Amino acid sequence: VSATSDSAILQLDSLTPFAYRARLEITLDNGRLSLQLQATHKGPRANWYGLGLHPYFPRSSTTQLQASAEGVWLCGDDKLSSQWIALPDSWNFSEPGRLPGQLVDNAFTAWPGCARIIEQDAGYHISCRAKGTDLFLLYCPPEQNFFCFEPVTHPVNAHHLPQRPGLHLLGPGQSCRLQFELQYQALAS
């Protein structure tokens, strides 16, 4: 839709698999990346919507994450969320901690919308803030130099879970929105 040296607006109008408009507004300002994703239902009958942003981050042996949660959706062999449990100690990031060495690909619940990614060896941290959700996905593939910290409105497979957790039933012309802000900050020497 539009682009400048520090912003862009992307828009998709689609009829498949149903009529909707997706709009992503991107702004970069003084080390802060702001993303605003909105979906508007354009069909004649109500439909279920969920939103998510899926950024990748560099990962080293010393990368730390700080992100509070109260529970997590476990996945079956099909890698789809199937069972919610209270947060196990091994996945508790309420205080900064190193990322797990084993595969993690799960949705964490009751997230207050703030997190920090700390790269001590590289001399920076990223403060993350989200609005419009209380879930994040954490994807940590073993022995890779990246991970994903993803604000989402719902666990994977929410369309097939009881009560469709985190999904929004939108009527014609209704919208849902997700905002995510990442602020780069140098660590004090």
N, C-alpha and C. Protein backbone atom coordinates (compact mmCIF):
# COMPACT_ATOMS: atom_id res chain seq x y z
N VAL A 1 0.83 -1.19 0.00
CA VAL A 1 0.00 0.00 0.00
C VAL A 1 0.87 1.25 0.00
N SER A 2 1.91 1.25 0.89
CA SER A 2 2.80 2.40 0.93
C SER A 2 4.12 1.98 1.55
N ALA A 3 5.18 2.76 1.26
CA ALA A 3 6.49 2.48 1.83
C ALA A 3 7.30 3.77 1.90
N THR A 4 8.04 3.93 2.99
CA THR A 4 9.00 5.02 3.14
C THR A 4 10.31 4.38 3.62
N SER A 5 11.28 5.20 3.95
CA SER A 5 12.56 4.66 4.41
C SER A 5 12.45 3.99 5.78
N ASP A 6 11.40 4.29 6.54
CA ASP A 6 11.26 3.71 7.87
C ASP A 6 9.87 3.13 8.18
N SER A 7 9.08 2.90 7.13
CA SER A 7 7.76 2.32 7.36
C SER A 7 7.24 1.66 6.08
N ALA A 8 6.29 0.76 6.28
CA ALA A 8 5.62 0.13 5.15
C ALA A 8 4.25 -0.36 5.61
N ILE A 9 3.31 -0.35 4.69
CA ILE A 9 2.00 -0.95 4.92
C ILE A 9 1.77 -1.97 3.82
N LEU A 10 1.56 -3.21 4.24
CA LEU A 10 1.28 -4.30 3.32
C LEU A 10 -0.17 -4.72 3.51
N GLN A 11 -0.83 -5.06 2.41
CA GLN A 11 -2.24 -5.45 2.50
C GLN A 11 -2.53 -6.58 1.53
N LEU A 12 -3.32 -7.52 1.98
CA LEU A 12 -3.77 -8.63 1.15
C LEU A 12 -5.28 -8.70 1.22
N ASP A 13 -5.93 -8.62 0.08
CA ASP A 13 -7.36 -8.86 -0.02
C ASP A 13 -7.53 -10.22 -0.67
N SER A 14 -8.18 -11.14 0.03
CA SER A 14 -8.25 -12.52 -0.44
C SER A 14 -9.68 -13.03 -0.42
N LEU A 15 -9.97 -13.94 -1.32
CA LEU A 15 -11.26 -14.64 -1.34
C LEU A 15 -11.10 -16.10 -0.94
N THR A 16 -9.84 -16.55 -0.78
CA THR A 16 -9.58 -17.95 -0.50
C THR A 16 -8.86 -18.10 0.82
N PRO A 17 -9.24 -18.93 1.73
CA PRO A 17 -10.38 -19.85 1.66
C PRO A 17 -11.71 -19.19 1.97
N PHE A 18 -11.68 -17.91 2.38
CA PHE A 18 -12.88 -17.11 2.60
C PHE A 18 -12.47 -15.66 2.41
N ALA A 19 -13.41 -14.76 2.35
CA ALA A 19 -13.11 -13.36 2.07
C ALA A 19 -12.62 -12.63 3.31
N TYR A 20 -11.42 -12.06 3.21
CA TYR A 20 -10.84 -11.31 4.31
C TYR A 20 -9.83 -10.30 3.77
N ARG A 21 -9.45 -9.37 4.64
CA ARG A 21 -8.37 -8.43 4.36
C ARG A 21 -7.37 -8.55 5.50
N ALA A 22 -6.11 -8.74 5.15
CA ALA A 22 -5.03 -8.73 6.13
C ALA A 22 -4.19 -7.49 5.87
N ARG A 23 -3.83 -6.80 6.93
CA ARG A 23 -3.06 -5.56 6.80
C ARG A 23 -1.94 -5.58 7.86
N LEU A 24 -0.72 -5.33 7.41
CA LEU A 24 0.44 -5.29 8.29
C LEU A 24 1.09 -3.92 8.16
N GLU A 25 1.17 -3.21 9.27
CA GLU A 25 1.85 -1.92 9.32
C GLU A 25 3.18 -2.10 10.04
N ILE A 26 4.26 -1.65 9.42
CA ILE A 26 5.61 -1.84 9.92
C ILE A 26 6.26 -0.46 10.06
N THR A 27 6.83 -0.19 11.24
CA THR A 27 7.51 1.08 11.47
C THR A 27 8.83 0.80 12.19
N LEU A 28 9.89 1.45 11.75
CA LEU A 28 11.19 1.37 12.38
C LEU A 28 11.57 2.77 12.84
N ASP A 29 11.85 2.92 14.15
CA ASP A 29 12.16 4.24 14.70
C ASP A 29 13.15 4.10 15.85
N ASN A 30 14.37 4.57 15.64
CA ASN A 30 15.38 4.64 16.69
C ASN A 30 15.57 3.30 17.41
N GLY A 31 15.77 2.24 16.65
CA GLY A 31 16.00 0.92 17.23
C GLY A 31 14.75 0.17 17.64
N ARG A 32 13.57 0.69 17.33
CA ARG A 32 12.30 0.04 17.68
C ARG A 32 11.57 -0.38 16.41
N LEU A 33 11.25 -1.65 16.33
CA LEU A 33 10.45 -2.19 15.25
C LEU A 33 9.03 -2.39 15.77
N SER A 34 8.07 -1.73 15.15
CA SER A 34 6.66 -1.85 15.55
C SER A 34 5.90 -2.54 14.43
N LEU A 35 5.15 -3.57 14.80
CA LEU A 35 4.34 -4.33 13.85
C LEU A 35 2.90 -4.33 14.33
N GLN A 36 1.99 -4.03 13.42
CA GLN A 36 0.56 -4.10 13.75
C GLN A 36 -0.13 -4.91 12.66
N LEU A 37 -0.68 -6.04 13.05
CA LEU A 37 -1.35 -6.94 12.13
C LEU A 37 -2.84 -6.91 12.41
N GLN A 38 -3.63 -6.75 11.35
CA GLN A 38 -5.08 -6.70 11.51
C GLN A 38 -5.72 -7.59 10.45
N ALA A 39 -6.74 -8.32 10.86
CA ALA A 39 -7.54 -9.11 9.92
C ALA A 39 -8.98 -8.62 10.00
N THR A 40 -9.58 -8.40 8.84
CA THR A 40 -10.97 -7.96 8.76
C THR A 40 -11.74 -8.98 7.94
N HIS A 41 -12.84 -9.46 8.53
CA HIS A 41 -13.66 -10.46 7.85
C HIS A 41 -14.53 -9.78 6.80
N LYS A 42 -14.48 -10.27 5.57
CA LYS A 42 -15.23 -9.68 4.46
C LYS A 42 -16.35 -10.59 3.95
N GLY A 43 -16.49 -11.77 4.54
CA GLY A 43 -17.50 -12.71 4.07
C GLY A 43 -18.87 -12.43 4.64
N PRO A 44 -19.91 -13.08 4.09
CA PRO A 44 -21.28 -12.84 4.53
C PRO A 44 -21.64 -13.57 5.83
N ARG A 45 -20.90 -14.65 6.18
CA ARG A 45 -21.17 -15.41 7.40
C ARG A 45 -19.98 -15.30 8.34
N ALA A 46 -20.24 -15.38 9.62
CA ALA A 46 -19.18 -15.28 10.63
C ALA A 46 -18.15 -16.38 10.43
N ASN A 47 -16.89 -16.08 10.82
CA ASN A 47 -15.81 -17.06 10.70
C ASN A 47 -14.81 -16.84 11.84
N TRP A 48 -14.07 -17.92 12.18
CA TRP A 48 -13.09 -17.88 13.26
C TRP A 48 -11.74 -17.39 12.75
N TYR A 49 -11.12 -16.48 13.52
CA TYR A 49 -9.83 -15.90 13.16
C TYR A 49 -8.84 -16.00 14.30
N GLY A 50 -7.59 -16.15 13.92
CA GLY A 50 -6.48 -16.06 14.85
C GLY A 50 -5.33 -15.36 14.15
N LEU A 51 -4.48 -14.71 14.92
CA LEU A 51 -3.36 -13.97 14.35
C LEU A 51 -2.05 -14.40 15.01
N GLY A 52 -0.97 -14.22 14.29
CA GLY A 52 0.34 -14.51 14.84
C GLY A 52 1.43 -13.85 14.02
N LEU A 53 2.49 -13.48 14.70
CA LEU A 53 3.70 -12.97 14.06
C LEU A 53 4.82 -13.94 14.43
N HIS A 54 5.69 -14.23 13.48
CA HIS A 54 6.63 -15.33 13.66
C HIS A 54 8.08 -14.93 13.37
N PRO A 55 8.63 -14.00 14.16
CA PRO A 55 10.00 -13.57 13.91
C PRO A 55 11.04 -14.60 14.37
N TYR A 56 12.11 -14.67 13.61
CA TYR A 56 13.27 -15.50 13.94
C TYR A 56 14.32 -14.60 14.58
N PHE A 57 15.07 -15.15 15.55
CA PHE A 57 16.12 -14.42 16.23
C PHE A 57 17.41 -15.24 16.22
N PRO A 58 18.57 -14.57 16.22
CA PRO A 58 19.83 -15.31 16.33
C PRO A 58 19.89 -16.02 17.69
N ARG A 59 20.57 -17.15 17.69
CA ARG A 59 20.71 -17.93 18.92
C ARG A 59 22.16 -18.39 19.06
N SER A 60 22.71 -18.14 20.23
CA SER A 60 24.05 -18.64 20.56
C SER A 60 23.92 -19.52 21.80
N SER A 61 25.03 -20.05 22.26
CA SER A 61 24.99 -20.88 23.45
C SER A 61 24.66 -20.08 24.71
N THR A 62 24.74 -18.75 24.62
CA THR A 62 24.46 -17.92 25.79
C THR A 62 23.17 -17.10 25.68
N THR A 63 22.41 -17.28 24.61
CA THR A 63 21.15 -16.55 24.45
C THR A 63 20.23 -16.84 25.63
N GLN A 64 19.63 -15.79 26.17
CA GLN A 64 18.70 -15.94 27.28
C GLN A 64 17.35 -15.34 26.90
N LEU A 65 16.30 -15.91 27.51
CA LEU A 65 14.93 -15.43 27.32
C LEU A 65 14.32 -15.16 28.68
N GLN A 66 13.58 -14.06 28.77
CA GLN A 66 12.77 -13.78 29.96
C GLN A 66 11.35 -13.53 29.48
N ALA A 67 10.43 -14.41 29.85
CA ALA A 67 9.03 -14.29 29.45
C ALA A 67 8.19 -15.11 30.41
N SER A 68 7.34 -14.46 31.17
CA SER A 68 6.49 -15.16 32.14
C SER A 68 5.33 -15.87 31.44
N ALA A 69 4.93 -16.97 32.01
CA ALA A 69 3.75 -17.72 31.56
C ALA A 69 3.27 -18.56 32.73
N GLU A 70 2.03 -19.03 32.63
CA GLU A 70 1.49 -19.89 33.69
C GLU A 70 1.26 -21.31 33.22
N GLY A 71 1.15 -21.50 31.90
CA GLY A 71 0.89 -22.83 31.38
C GLY A 71 1.43 -22.98 29.98
N VAL A 72 1.32 -24.20 29.47
CA VAL A 72 1.83 -24.50 28.13
C VAL A 72 0.95 -25.58 27.49
N TRP A 73 0.79 -25.49 26.20
CA TRP A 73 0.09 -26.52 25.44
C TRP A 73 1.12 -27.53 24.96
N LEU A 74 0.92 -28.79 25.36
CA LEU A 74 1.77 -29.88 24.88
C LEU A 74 1.26 -30.35 23.53
N CYS A 75 2.15 -30.93 22.75
CA CYS A 75 1.80 -31.38 21.41
C CYS A 75 1.88 -32.90 21.34
N GLY A 76 1.06 -33.46 20.46
CA GLY A 76 1.12 -34.88 20.19
C GLY A 76 2.17 -35.17 19.12
N ASP A 77 2.20 -36.41 18.64
CA ASP A 77 3.14 -36.80 17.59
C ASP A 77 2.94 -36.00 16.31
N ASP A 78 1.72 -35.48 16.11
CA ASP A 78 1.41 -34.69 14.92
C ASP A 78 1.87 -33.24 15.04
N LYS A 79 2.51 -32.87 16.18
CA LYS A 79 3.03 -31.53 16.45
C LYS A 79 1.92 -30.48 16.63
N LEU A 80 0.70 -30.93 16.89
CA LEU A 80 -0.43 -30.03 17.12
C LEU A 80 -0.75 -29.99 18.61
N SER A 81 -1.11 -28.80 19.10
CA SER A 81 -1.46 -28.63 20.51
C SER A 81 -2.62 -29.56 20.85
N SER A 82 -2.47 -30.28 21.98
CA SER A 82 -3.52 -31.23 22.34
C SER A 82 -3.88 -31.21 23.82
N GLN A 83 -2.95 -30.77 24.69
CA GLN A 83 -3.21 -30.83 26.13
C GLN A 83 -2.53 -29.65 26.81
N TRP A 84 -3.31 -28.93 27.64
CA TRP A 84 -2.76 -27.82 28.41
C TRP A 84 -2.31 -28.34 29.76
N ILE A 85 -1.13 -27.88 30.24
CA ILE A 85 -0.65 -28.20 31.57
C ILE A 85 -0.10 -26.94 32.23
N ALA A 86 -0.02 -26.97 33.55
CA ALA A 86 0.66 -25.89 34.27
C ALA A 86 2.13 -25.88 33.85
N LEU A 87 2.72 -24.73 33.87
CA LEU A 87 4.09 -24.56 33.37
C LEU A 87 5.08 -25.40 34.16
N PRO A 88 5.83 -26.29 33.49
CA PRO A 88 6.87 -27.05 34.20
C PRO A 88 8.07 -26.15 34.50
N ASP A 89 8.79 -26.47 35.57
CA ASP A 89 9.95 -25.66 35.97
C ASP A 89 10.98 -25.52 34.86
N SER A 90 11.16 -26.57 34.06
CA SER A 90 12.18 -26.54 33.00
C SER A 90 11.87 -25.53 31.90
N TRP A 91 10.61 -25.09 31.81
CA TRP A 91 10.23 -24.10 30.81
C TRP A 91 9.79 -22.79 31.46
N ASN A 92 10.21 -22.55 32.66
CA ASN A 92 9.85 -21.32 33.36
C ASN A 92 10.92 -20.27 33.05
N PHE A 93 10.52 -19.23 32.31
CA PHE A 93 11.42 -18.15 31.93
C PHE A 93 11.04 -16.84 32.62
N SER A 94 10.42 -16.93 33.80
CA SER A 94 10.04 -15.69 34.49
C SER A 94 11.27 -14.88 34.87
N GLU A 95 12.40 -15.55 35.05
CA GLU A 95 13.69 -14.90 35.21
C GLU A 95 14.53 -15.26 33.98
N PRO A 96 15.48 -14.41 33.57
CA PRO A 96 16.27 -14.75 32.39
C PRO A 96 16.92 -16.12 32.51
N GLY A 97 16.78 -16.90 31.45
CA GLY A 97 17.37 -18.23 31.43
C GLY A 97 17.75 -18.64 30.02
N ARG A 98 18.70 -19.55 29.92
CA ARG A 98 19.14 -20.04 28.62
C ARG A 98 18.04 -20.87 27.97
N LEU A 99 18.03 -20.88 26.65
CA LEU A 99 17.05 -21.65 25.90
C LEU A 99 17.33 -23.14 26.05
N PRO A 100 16.29 -23.96 26.06
CA PRO A 100 16.48 -25.40 26.21
C PRO A 100 17.27 -26.00 25.05
N GLY A 101 18.04 -27.06 25.35
CA GLY A 101 18.80 -27.75 24.31
C GLY A 101 17.95 -28.71 23.50
N GLN A 102 16.82 -29.17 24.08
CA GLN A 102 15.92 -30.07 23.35
C GLN A 102 14.88 -29.26 22.58
N LEU A 103 14.21 -29.91 21.65
CA LEU A 103 13.18 -29.25 20.84
C LEU A 103 12.07 -28.70 21.73
N VAL A 104 11.74 -27.45 21.52
CA VAL A 104 10.56 -26.83 22.09
C VAL A 104 9.80 -26.22 20.92
N ASP A 105 8.52 -26.53 20.81
CA ASP A 105 7.66 -25.97 19.76
C ASP A 105 6.25 -25.93 20.35
N ASN A 106 6.05 -25.01 21.31
CA ASN A 106 4.84 -25.03 22.12
C ASN A 106 4.29 -23.63 22.33
N ALA A 107 3.00 -23.58 22.66
CA ALA A 107 2.32 -22.33 22.98
C ALA A 107 2.25 -22.15 24.50
N PHE A 108 2.72 -21.01 24.97
CA PHE A 108 2.74 -20.69 26.39
C PHE A 108 1.60 -19.71 26.69
N THR A 109 0.89 -19.92 27.79
CA THR A 109 -0.33 -19.17 28.08
C THR A 109 -0.17 -18.26 29.30
N ALA A 110 -1.14 -17.35 29.42
CA ALA A 110 -1.16 -16.36 30.51
C ALA A 110 0.11 -15.53 30.51
N TRP A 111 0.53 -15.14 29.33
CA TRP A 111 1.69 -14.28 29.13
C TRP A 111 1.24 -12.83 29.27
N PRO A 112 1.91 -12.01 30.08
CA PRO A 112 1.48 -10.62 30.24
C PRO A 112 1.83 -9.69 29.07
N GLY A 113 2.50 -10.21 28.05
CA GLY A 113 2.77 -9.41 26.86
C GLY A 113 4.12 -8.74 26.83
N CYS A 114 5.00 -9.05 27.78
CA CYS A 114 6.35 -8.48 27.73
C CYS A 114 7.38 -9.59 27.87
N ALA A 115 8.51 -9.39 27.20
CA ALA A 115 9.59 -10.38 27.21
C ALA A 115 10.90 -9.66 26.91
N ARG A 116 12.01 -10.37 27.21
CA ARG A 116 13.34 -9.87 26.85
C ARG A 116 14.15 -11.01 26.26
N ILE A 117 14.87 -10.69 25.21
CA ILE A 117 15.84 -11.60 24.61
C ILE A 117 17.21 -10.97 24.88
N ILE A 118 18.06 -11.71 25.57
CA ILE A 118 19.33 -11.15 26.02
C ILE A 118 20.48 -11.86 25.29
N GLU A 119 21.29 -11.07 24.61
CA GLU A 119 22.48 -11.57 23.90
C GLU A 119 23.70 -10.92 24.54
N GLN A 120 24.08 -11.47 25.69
CA GLN A 120 25.18 -10.91 26.48
C GLN A 120 26.46 -10.82 25.66
N ASP A 121 26.83 -11.89 24.96
CA ASP A 121 28.08 -11.90 24.19
C ASP A 121 28.07 -10.88 23.05
N ALA A 122 26.90 -10.61 22.49
CA ALA A 122 26.80 -9.64 21.40
C ALA A 122 26.57 -8.22 21.92
N GLY A 123 26.30 -8.09 23.23
CA GLY A 123 26.20 -6.77 23.83
C GLY A 123 24.87 -6.06 23.68
N TYR A 124 23.78 -6.81 23.55
CA TYR A 124 22.47 -6.16 23.44
C TYR A 124 21.38 -7.04 24.03
N HIS A 125 20.22 -6.39 24.25
CA HIS A 125 19.01 -7.15 24.51
C HIS A 125 17.88 -6.51 23.73
N ILE A 126 16.84 -7.29 23.52
CA ILE A 126 15.64 -6.82 22.81
C ILE A 126 14.47 -6.93 23.77
N SER A 127 13.83 -5.80 24.02
CA SER A 127 12.61 -5.79 24.82
C SER A 127 11.43 -5.96 23.88
N CYS A 128 10.54 -6.87 24.22
CA CYS A 128 9.38 -7.19 23.39
C CYS A 128 8.10 -6.85 24.15
N ARG A 129 7.15 -6.24 23.45
CA ARG A 129 5.84 -5.94 24.04
C ARG A 129 4.77 -6.27 23.01
N ALA A 130 3.73 -6.93 23.49
CA ALA A 130 2.62 -7.31 22.60
C ALA A 130 1.30 -6.85 23.20
N LYS A 131 0.36 -6.55 22.32
CA LYS A 131 -1.02 -6.25 22.71
C LYS A 131 -1.93 -7.06 21.80
N GLY A 132 -3.03 -7.54 22.37
CA GLY A 132 -3.98 -8.31 21.59
C GLY A 132 -3.80 -9.80 21.74
N THR A 133 -2.96 -10.21 22.70
CA THR A 133 -2.74 -11.63 22.93
C THR A 133 -2.22 -11.86 24.34
N ASP A 134 -2.38 -13.08 24.82
CA ASP A 134 -1.72 -13.49 26.06
C ASP A 134 -1.04 -14.85 25.87
N LEU A 135 -0.64 -15.13 24.63
CA LEU A 135 0.07 -16.35 24.30
C LEU A 135 1.32 -16.03 23.50
N PHE A 136 2.33 -16.88 23.66
CA PHE A 136 3.46 -16.84 22.74
C PHE A 136 3.85 -18.26 22.39
N LEU A 137 4.33 -18.44 21.17
CA LEU A 137 4.92 -19.70 20.76
C LEU A 137 6.43 -19.57 20.91
N LEU A 138 7.05 -20.61 21.41
CA LEU A 138 8.50 -20.67 21.48
C LEU A 138 8.93 -21.87 20.65
N TYR A 139 9.77 -21.59 19.65
CA TYR A 139 10.30 -22.63 18.79
C TYR A 139 11.81 -22.63 18.91
N CYS A 140 12.34 -23.69 19.50
CA CYS A 140 13.78 -23.84 19.70
C CYS A 140 14.21 -25.16 19.07
N PRO A 141 14.63 -25.15 17.80
CA PRO A 141 15.13 -26.39 17.21
C PRO A 141 16.52 -26.69 17.74
N PRO A 142 16.78 -27.95 18.11
CA PRO A 142 18.10 -28.26 18.68
C PRO A 142 19.23 -28.01 17.69
N GLU A 143 20.35 -27.56 18.24
CA GLU A 143 21.59 -27.39 17.48
C GLU A 143 21.46 -26.46 16.28
N GLN A 144 20.58 -25.45 16.38
CA GLN A 144 20.43 -24.45 15.33
C GLN A 144 20.86 -23.09 15.86
N ASN A 145 21.20 -22.19 14.95
CA ASN A 145 21.66 -20.86 15.36
C ASN A 145 20.53 -19.83 15.34
N PHE A 146 19.30 -20.30 15.49
CA PHE A 146 18.14 -19.41 15.55
C PHE A 146 17.08 -20.01 16.46
N PHE A 147 16.15 -19.18 16.86
CA PHE A 147 14.93 -19.61 17.55
C PHE A 147 13.85 -18.62 17.19
N CYS A 148 12.61 -18.95 17.51
CA CYS A 148 11.48 -18.06 17.24
C CYS A 148 10.74 -17.76 18.54
N PHE A 149 10.44 -16.51 18.73
CA PHE A 149 9.58 -16.06 19.82
C PHE A 149 8.41 -15.37 19.15
N GLU A 150 7.22 -15.96 19.26
CA GLU A 150 6.11 -15.59 18.38
C GLU A 150 4.87 -15.21 19.16
N PRO A 151 4.48 -13.94 19.17
CA PRO A 151 3.20 -13.59 19.78
C PRO A 151 2.06 -14.10 18.89
N VAL A 152 1.15 -14.83 19.49
CA VAL A 152 0.01 -15.41 18.77
C VAL A 152 -1.24 -15.25 19.62
N THR A 153 -2.38 -15.30 18.98
CA THR A 153 -3.64 -15.19 19.72
C THR A 153 -4.16 -16.54 20.20
N HIS A 154 -3.58 -17.64 19.70
CA HIS A 154 -4.16 -18.96 19.95
C HIS A 154 -3.09 -20.05 19.85
N PRO A 155 -3.30 -21.19 20.48
CA PRO A 155 -2.38 -22.31 20.28
C PRO A 155 -2.57 -22.92 18.90
N VAL A 156 -1.54 -23.61 18.43
CA VAL A 156 -1.64 -24.34 17.17
C VAL A 156 -2.79 -25.34 17.31
N ASN A 157 -3.60 -25.47 16.27
CA ASN A 157 -4.72 -26.42 16.26
C ASN A 157 -5.95 -25.90 17.02
N ALA A 158 -6.00 -24.63 17.35
CA ALA A 158 -7.12 -24.09 18.13
C ALA A 158 -8.47 -24.33 17.47
N HIS A 159 -8.51 -24.39 16.16
CA HIS A 159 -9.79 -24.63 15.48
C HIS A 159 -10.38 -25.99 15.84
N HIS A 160 -9.54 -26.91 16.30
CA HIS A 160 -10.01 -28.26 16.62
C HIS A 160 -9.97 -28.57 18.12
N LEU A 161 -9.69 -27.57 18.94
CA LEU A 161 -9.68 -27.75 20.39
C LEU A 161 -11.01 -27.28 20.98
N PRO A 162 -11.42 -27.87 22.11
CA PRO A 162 -12.67 -27.42 22.75
C PRO A 162 -12.65 -25.91 23.03
N GLN A 163 -13.74 -25.25 22.75
CA GLN A 163 -13.94 -23.79 22.92
C GLN A 163 -13.03 -22.93 22.05
N ARG A 164 -12.29 -23.53 21.11
CA ARG A 164 -11.42 -22.77 20.20
C ARG A 164 -10.63 -21.68 20.93
N PRO A 165 -9.73 -22.07 21.85
CA PRO A 165 -9.04 -21.08 22.70
C PRO A 165 -8.27 -20.04 21.89
N GLY A 166 -8.53 -18.76 22.21
CA GLY A 166 -7.81 -17.66 21.60
C GLY A 166 -8.31 -17.19 20.25
N LEU A 167 -9.23 -17.93 19.64
CA LEU A 167 -9.76 -17.52 18.33
C LEU A 167 -10.89 -16.51 18.52
N HIS A 168 -11.08 -15.68 17.51
CA HIS A 168 -12.13 -14.66 17.51
C HIS A 168 -13.15 -15.00 16.44
N LEU A 169 -14.43 -15.02 16.81
CA LEU A 169 -15.49 -15.21 15.83
C LEU A 169 -15.88 -13.83 15.32
N LEU A 170 -15.54 -13.57 14.04
CA LEU A 170 -15.79 -12.26 13.45
C LEU A 170 -16.95 -12.33 12.48
N GLY A 171 -17.86 -11.37 12.61
CA GLY A 171 -18.94 -11.20 11.66
C GLY A 171 -18.49 -10.31 10.52
N PRO A 172 -19.34 -10.12 9.51
CA PRO A 172 -18.97 -9.28 8.37
C PRO A 172 -18.51 -7.88 8.82
N GLY A 173 -17.31 -7.49 8.34
CA GLY A 173 -16.77 -6.17 8.65
C GLY A 173 -16.05 -6.07 9.98
N GLN A 174 -16.08 -7.10 10.81
CA GLN A 174 -15.39 -7.05 12.10
C GLN A 174 -13.91 -7.39 11.94
N SER A 175 -13.10 -6.88 12.87
CA SER A 175 -11.64 -7.06 12.79
C SER A 175 -11.07 -7.54 14.12
N CYS A 176 -9.90 -8.13 14.04
CA CYS A 176 -9.09 -8.41 15.23
C CYS A 176 -7.68 -7.89 14.93
N ARG A 177 -6.92 -7.61 16.01
CA ARG A 177 -5.64 -6.93 15.83
C ARG A 177 -4.61 -7.49 16.81
N LEU A 178 -3.37 -7.51 16.36
CA LEU A 178 -2.24 -7.93 17.17
C LEU A 178 -1.12 -6.91 16.95
N GLN A 179 -0.55 -6.41 18.06
CA GLN A 179 0.55 -5.45 17.97
C GLN A 179 1.77 -6.06 18.64
N PHE A 180 2.94 -5.81 18.06
CA PHE A 180 4.19 -6.33 18.61
C PHE A 180 5.26 -5.29 18.39
N GLU A 181 6.00 -5.00 19.46
CA GLU A 181 7.06 -4.00 19.40
C GLU A 181 8.34 -4.62 19.92
N LEU A 182 9.42 -4.44 19.18
CA LEU A 182 10.74 -4.93 19.58
C LEU A 182 11.68 -3.75 19.66
N GLN A 183 12.28 -3.56 20.83
CA GLN A 183 13.17 -2.42 21.07
C GLN A 183 14.58 -2.93 21.32
N TYR A 184 15.51 -2.57 20.44
CA TYR A 184 16.92 -2.91 20.61
C TYR A 184 17.54 -1.99 21.64
N GLN A 185 18.34 -2.55 22.57
CA GLN A 185 19.07 -1.73 23.54
C GLN A 185 20.44 -2.34 23.77
N ALA A 186 21.46 -1.50 23.72
CA ALA A 186 22.81 -1.97 24.03
C ALA A 186 22.91 -2.24 25.52
N LEU A 187 23.66 -3.28 25.87
CA LEU A 187 23.90 -3.58 27.28
C LEU A 187 25.00 -2.66 27.80
N ALA A 188 24.89 -2.29 29.07
CA ALA A 188 25.92 -1.44 29.69
C ALA A 188 27.23 -2.22 29.74
N SER A 189 28.31 -1.55 29.45
CA SER A 189 29.63 -2.20 29.45
C SER A 189 30.14 -2.41 30.85
